[in-house]
Amino acid sequence: MREGWLRTGEGMTFTVGAVTEVAQRLAKGEGRPGAFTPARLFGPEVALAEFVVTD
């Protein structure tokens, strides 16, 4: 098992950005059938998409 930490700034801003990113990818047909977490479906880099604001 691996563990990591991600600093994102304000949590609600990150959550909205992450949901939007995943929804856009799914709308483009990038997903596949089944039940997945966003990281399992798109890889951990989904959390590092352009919407992330760093300090």
Foldseek 3Di string as FASTA:
>chain_A
DDDDDDDFPDPVQLVVQLVVLQVVCVVVVQFDDDDDDCCVGPNPCSSVPPSGDDD
